[in-house]
Structures are given as C-alpha cells and as structure tokens.
Amino acid sequence: MNFEVEDFRKRPPPEDIGKWPLWIVPVRFINGYLFKLVFILIFFPIFFFGYMPTLEVFFLYFLIYDMLEYNNIKRRIDDGQ
C-alpha cells in the first residue's frame, strides 16, 4: 500500500441536489452553469445562425441544456469533485 498516494479516509456523503426538474445548482458550480447558460442560449445562436430563437425554441434549448447540465453536475458530485 502506498499511503502517500491512496487516501483511505471515508469520503463525506455526496450532497443531494434533488431530482431533475426541481434540482438546485450547488454554489461551487453556479459560475460555470450561468456562463454556459448564457453562452449556449444567447451567444451561440446569434454567432452561428444570426438570430435569437423564438420563445418556444429558447425554452426547448433551456430544457435540453438543463437536463444535460444536471447529469454532468450529478456525475461530478458522485466522482468526488
């Protein structure tokens, strides 16, 4: 056993962020969440397509983004980050 590399202490239990549509973004991930939200929903469509999407498309993009970001943050919390 290499005690300098391996950590045998018990990990704290992973924080509970809730289930998908009613989840809460943890404080340490909020900056990245908001930056990616603004970039993907506003700057990305304007830069590549030249227009802002309609409210229906904006809401659909938001749901897809939020679901993917929930899975990403949930995985990062489970991995201990």
N, C-alpha and C. Protein backbone atom coordinates (compact mmCIF):
# COMPACT_ATOMS: atom_id res chain seq x y z
N MET A 1 0.83 -1.19 0.00
CA MET A 1 0.00 0.00 0.00
C MET A 1 0.88 1.24 0.00
N ASN A 2 0.51 2.18 -0.80
CA ASN A 2 1.24 3.43 -0.89
C ASN A 2 0.39 4.50 -0.21
N PHE A 3 0.74 4.80 1.03
CA PHE A 3 -0.06 5.74 1.81
C PHE A 3 0.09 7.18 1.35
N GLU A 4 1.14 7.47 0.57
CA GLU A 4 1.31 8.83 0.09
C GLU A 4 0.36 9.14 -1.07
N VAL A 5 -0.12 8.13 -1.75
CA VAL A 5 -0.97 8.34 -2.91
C VAL A 5 -2.43 8.02 -2.60
N GLU A 6 -2.67 6.91 -1.93
CA GLU A 6 -4.03 6.46 -1.68
C GLU A 6 -4.58 7.08 -0.40
N ASP A 7 -5.80 7.49 -0.44
CA ASP A 7 -6.46 8.10 0.71
C ASP A 7 -7.52 7.13 1.21
N PHE A 8 -7.31 6.62 2.42
CA PHE A 8 -8.21 5.61 2.96
C PHE A 8 -9.25 6.20 3.90
N ARG A 9 -9.29 7.51 4.01
CA ARG A 9 -10.31 8.12 4.85
C ARG A 9 -11.67 8.00 4.18
N LYS A 10 -12.71 7.97 5.01
CA LYS A 10 -14.05 7.90 4.45
C LYS A 10 -14.39 9.24 3.80
N ARG A 11 -14.99 9.15 2.63
CA ARG A 11 -15.43 10.36 1.95
C ARG A 11 -16.71 10.86 2.61
N PRO A 12 -16.90 12.16 2.61
CA PRO A 12 -18.20 12.65 3.10
C PRO A 12 -19.29 12.22 2.13
N PRO A 13 -20.50 12.07 2.62
CA PRO A 13 -21.57 11.66 1.70
C PRO A 13 -21.79 12.72 0.63
N PRO A 14 -22.09 12.28 -0.59
CA PRO A 14 -22.32 13.28 -1.65
C PRO A 14 -23.55 14.12 -1.35
N GLU A 15 -23.46 15.40 -1.70
CA GLU A 15 -24.58 16.29 -1.42
C GLU A 15 -25.76 15.96 -2.31
N ASP A 16 -26.93 16.23 -1.81
CA ASP A 16 -28.16 15.94 -2.54
C ASP A 16 -28.61 17.21 -3.25
N ILE A 17 -28.67 17.15 -4.58
CA ILE A 17 -29.11 18.31 -5.34
C ILE A 17 -30.55 18.16 -5.82
N GLY A 18 -31.18 17.05 -5.51
CA GLY A 18 -32.57 16.84 -5.88
C GLY A 18 -32.71 16.13 -7.21
N LYS A 19 -33.93 15.91 -7.60
CA LYS A 19 -34.23 15.27 -8.89
C LYS A 19 -34.28 16.34 -9.98
N TRP A 20 -34.31 15.89 -11.24
CA TRP A 20 -34.02 16.80 -12.33
C TRP A 20 -34.87 18.06 -12.42
N PRO A 21 -36.15 18.06 -12.60
CA PRO A 21 -36.73 19.38 -12.90
C PRO A 21 -36.69 20.35 -11.73
N LEU A 22 -36.55 19.85 -10.52
CA LEU A 22 -36.57 20.72 -9.34
C LEU A 22 -35.23 20.73 -8.61
N TRP A 23 -34.14 20.55 -9.34
CA TRP A 23 -32.84 20.46 -8.70
C TRP A 23 -32.28 21.84 -8.38
N ILE A 24 -31.29 21.87 -7.50
CA ILE A 24 -30.64 23.11 -7.07
C ILE A 24 -29.17 23.04 -7.47
N VAL A 25 -28.69 24.05 -8.17
CA VAL A 25 -27.29 24.09 -8.57
C VAL A 25 -26.45 24.40 -7.34
N PRO A 26 -25.45 23.56 -7.02
CA PRO A 26 -24.58 23.86 -5.87
C PRO A 26 -23.81 25.16 -6.09
N VAL A 27 -23.46 25.80 -5.00
CA VAL A 27 -22.82 27.12 -5.06
C VAL A 27 -21.50 27.06 -5.83
N ARG A 28 -20.74 25.99 -5.68
CA ARG A 28 -19.43 25.93 -6.34
C ARG A 28 -19.53 25.74 -7.85
N PHE A 29 -20.69 25.37 -8.36
CA PHE A 29 -20.88 25.18 -9.79
C PHE A 29 -21.68 26.31 -10.44
N ILE A 30 -22.10 27.31 -9.71
CA ILE A 30 -23.04 28.30 -10.24
C ILE A 30 -22.41 29.19 -11.31
N ASN A 31 -21.13 29.54 -11.17
CA ASN A 31 -20.49 30.40 -12.18
C ASN A 31 -20.41 29.71 -13.53
N GLY A 32 -19.97 28.46 -13.54
CA GLY A 32 -19.90 27.72 -14.79
C GLY A 32 -21.27 27.48 -15.40
N TYR A 33 -22.25 27.21 -14.54
CA TYR A 33 -23.62 26.97 -15.01
C TYR A 33 -24.16 28.22 -15.71
N LEU A 34 -24.02 29.37 -15.08
CA LEU A 34 -24.55 30.60 -15.67
C LEU A 34 -23.78 31.01 -16.93
N PHE A 35 -22.46 30.83 -16.92
CA PHE A 35 -21.67 31.18 -18.10
C PHE A 35 -22.08 30.33 -19.29
N LYS A 36 -22.17 29.01 -19.08
CA LYS A 36 -22.57 28.12 -20.17
C LYS A 36 -24.01 28.38 -20.61
N LEU A 37 -24.87 28.71 -19.66
CA LEU A 37 -26.27 29.01 -19.98
C LEU A 37 -26.37 30.21 -20.91
N VAL A 38 -25.69 31.29 -20.57
CA VAL A 38 -25.74 32.50 -21.40
C VAL A 38 -25.06 32.24 -22.74
N PHE A 39 -23.94 31.54 -22.74
CA PHE A 39 -23.22 31.29 -23.99
C PHE A 39 -24.04 30.42 -24.94
N ILE A 40 -24.59 29.32 -24.43
CA ILE A 40 -25.29 28.37 -25.29
C ILE A 40 -26.65 28.92 -25.73
N LEU A 41 -27.35 29.61 -24.86
CA LEU A 41 -28.71 30.05 -25.21
C LEU A 41 -28.76 31.40 -25.91
N ILE A 42 -27.73 32.24 -25.76
CA ILE A 42 -27.79 33.57 -26.37
C ILE A 42 -26.69 33.76 -27.41
N PHE A 43 -25.42 33.65 -27.02
CA PHE A 43 -24.32 33.95 -27.94
C PHE A 43 -24.15 32.92 -29.04
N PHE A 44 -24.32 31.66 -28.73
CA PHE A 44 -24.14 30.60 -29.73
C PHE A 44 -25.12 30.73 -30.90
N PRO A 45 -26.43 30.87 -30.66
CA PRO A 45 -27.34 31.02 -31.82
C PRO A 45 -27.12 32.31 -32.61
N ILE A 46 -26.80 33.40 -31.92
CA ILE A 46 -26.57 34.67 -32.63
C ILE A 46 -25.31 34.58 -33.48
N PHE A 47 -24.26 34.00 -32.95
CA PHE A 47 -22.99 33.92 -33.68
C PHE A 47 -23.08 32.98 -34.88
N PHE A 48 -23.67 31.80 -34.70
CA PHE A 48 -23.69 30.82 -35.78
C PHE A 48 -24.89 30.96 -36.72
N PHE A 49 -26.04 31.37 -36.20
CA PHE A 49 -27.24 31.42 -37.04
C PHE A 49 -27.68 32.85 -37.34
N GLY A 50 -27.21 33.82 -36.57
CA GLY A 50 -27.52 35.21 -36.85
C GLY A 50 -28.84 35.71 -36.31
N TYR A 51 -29.49 34.96 -35.44
CA TYR A 51 -30.77 35.42 -34.89
C TYR A 51 -30.98 34.81 -33.51
N MET A 52 -31.88 35.44 -32.76
CA MET A 52 -32.30 34.87 -31.47
C MET A 52 -33.46 33.92 -31.74
N PRO A 53 -33.45 32.76 -31.12
CA PRO A 53 -34.57 31.84 -31.34
C PRO A 53 -35.86 32.36 -30.70
N THR A 54 -36.97 31.83 -31.15
CA THR A 54 -38.26 32.20 -30.58
C THR A 54 -38.35 31.69 -29.15
N LEU A 55 -39.36 32.11 -28.44
CA LEU A 55 -39.51 31.70 -27.04
C LEU A 55 -39.67 30.19 -26.90
N GLU A 56 -40.39 29.57 -27.82
CA GLU A 56 -40.59 28.12 -27.75
C GLU A 56 -39.27 27.38 -27.93
N VAL A 57 -38.50 27.79 -28.91
CA VAL A 57 -37.20 27.15 -29.16
C VAL A 57 -36.25 27.45 -28.01
N PHE A 58 -36.27 28.68 -27.50
CA PHE A 58 -35.44 29.05 -26.36
C PHE A 58 -35.76 28.16 -25.16
N PHE A 59 -37.04 27.94 -24.88
CA PHE A 59 -37.45 27.10 -23.77
C PHE A 59 -37.03 25.65 -24.00
N LEU A 60 -37.15 25.15 -25.22
CA LEU A 60 -36.71 23.79 -25.54
C LEU A 60 -35.21 23.65 -25.35
N TYR A 61 -34.43 24.61 -25.84
CA TYR A 61 -32.98 24.59 -25.64
C TYR A 61 -32.64 24.64 -24.16
N PHE A 62 -33.38 25.44 -23.40
CA PHE A 62 -33.13 25.52 -21.96
C PHE A 62 -33.38 24.18 -21.28
N LEU A 63 -34.46 23.50 -21.64
CA LEU A 63 -34.74 22.19 -21.04
C LEU A 63 -33.65 21.18 -21.37
N ILE A 64 -33.22 21.16 -22.62
CA ILE A 64 -32.15 20.24 -23.02
C ILE A 64 -30.86 20.58 -22.29
N TYR A 65 -30.50 21.87 -22.25
CA TYR A 65 -29.28 22.28 -21.56
C TYR A 65 -29.35 21.93 -20.08
N ASP A 66 -30.49 22.19 -19.44
CA ASP A 66 -30.62 21.95 -18.02
C ASP A 66 -30.53 20.46 -17.70
N MET A 67 -31.11 19.62 -18.54
CA MET A 67 -31.04 18.18 -18.32
C MET A 67 -29.60 17.68 -18.47
N LEU A 68 -28.90 18.14 -19.49
CA LEU A 68 -27.51 17.72 -19.68
C LEU A 68 -26.61 18.24 -18.55
N GLU A 69 -26.83 19.47 -18.14
CA GLU A 69 -26.01 20.05 -17.07
C GLU A 69 -26.30 19.36 -15.74
N TYR A 70 -27.55 18.97 -15.49
CA TYR A 70 -27.89 18.22 -14.28
C TYR A 70 -27.12 16.90 -14.24
N ASN A 71 -27.12 16.17 -15.36
CA ASN A 71 -26.39 14.90 -15.41
C ASN A 71 -24.90 15.12 -15.21
N ASN A 72 -24.35 16.17 -15.79
CA ASN A 72 -22.93 16.47 -15.66
C ASN A 72 -22.56 16.80 -14.22
N ILE A 73 -23.33 17.67 -13.57
CA ILE A 73 -23.04 18.05 -12.19
C ILE A 73 -23.26 16.88 -11.25
N LYS A 74 -24.29 16.09 -11.48
CA LYS A 74 -24.55 14.91 -10.65
C LYS A 74 -23.38 13.93 -10.74
N ARG A 75 -22.85 13.72 -11.95
CA ARG A 75 -21.70 12.83 -12.14
C ARG A 75 -20.46 13.38 -11.45
N ARG A 76 -20.24 14.69 -11.55
CA ARG A 76 -19.08 15.29 -10.91
C ARG A 76 -19.15 15.17 -9.39
N ILE A 77 -20.35 15.32 -8.82
CA ILE A 77 -20.51 15.18 -7.38
C ILE A 77 -20.28 13.74 -6.96
N ASP A 78 -20.81 12.79 -7.73
CA ASP A 78 -20.62 11.38 -7.40
C ASP A 78 -19.16 10.95 -7.52
N ASP A 79 -18.40 11.58 -8.42
CA ASP A 79 -16.98 11.27 -8.57
C ASP A 79 -16.13 11.93 -7.50
N GLY A 80 -16.70 12.78 -6.69
CA GLY A 80 -15.97 13.39 -5.59
C GLY A 80 -15.35 14.73 -5.90
N GLN A 81 -15.78 15.37 -6.95
CA GLN A 81 -15.20 16.67 -7.30
C GLN A 81 -15.90 17.79 -6.60
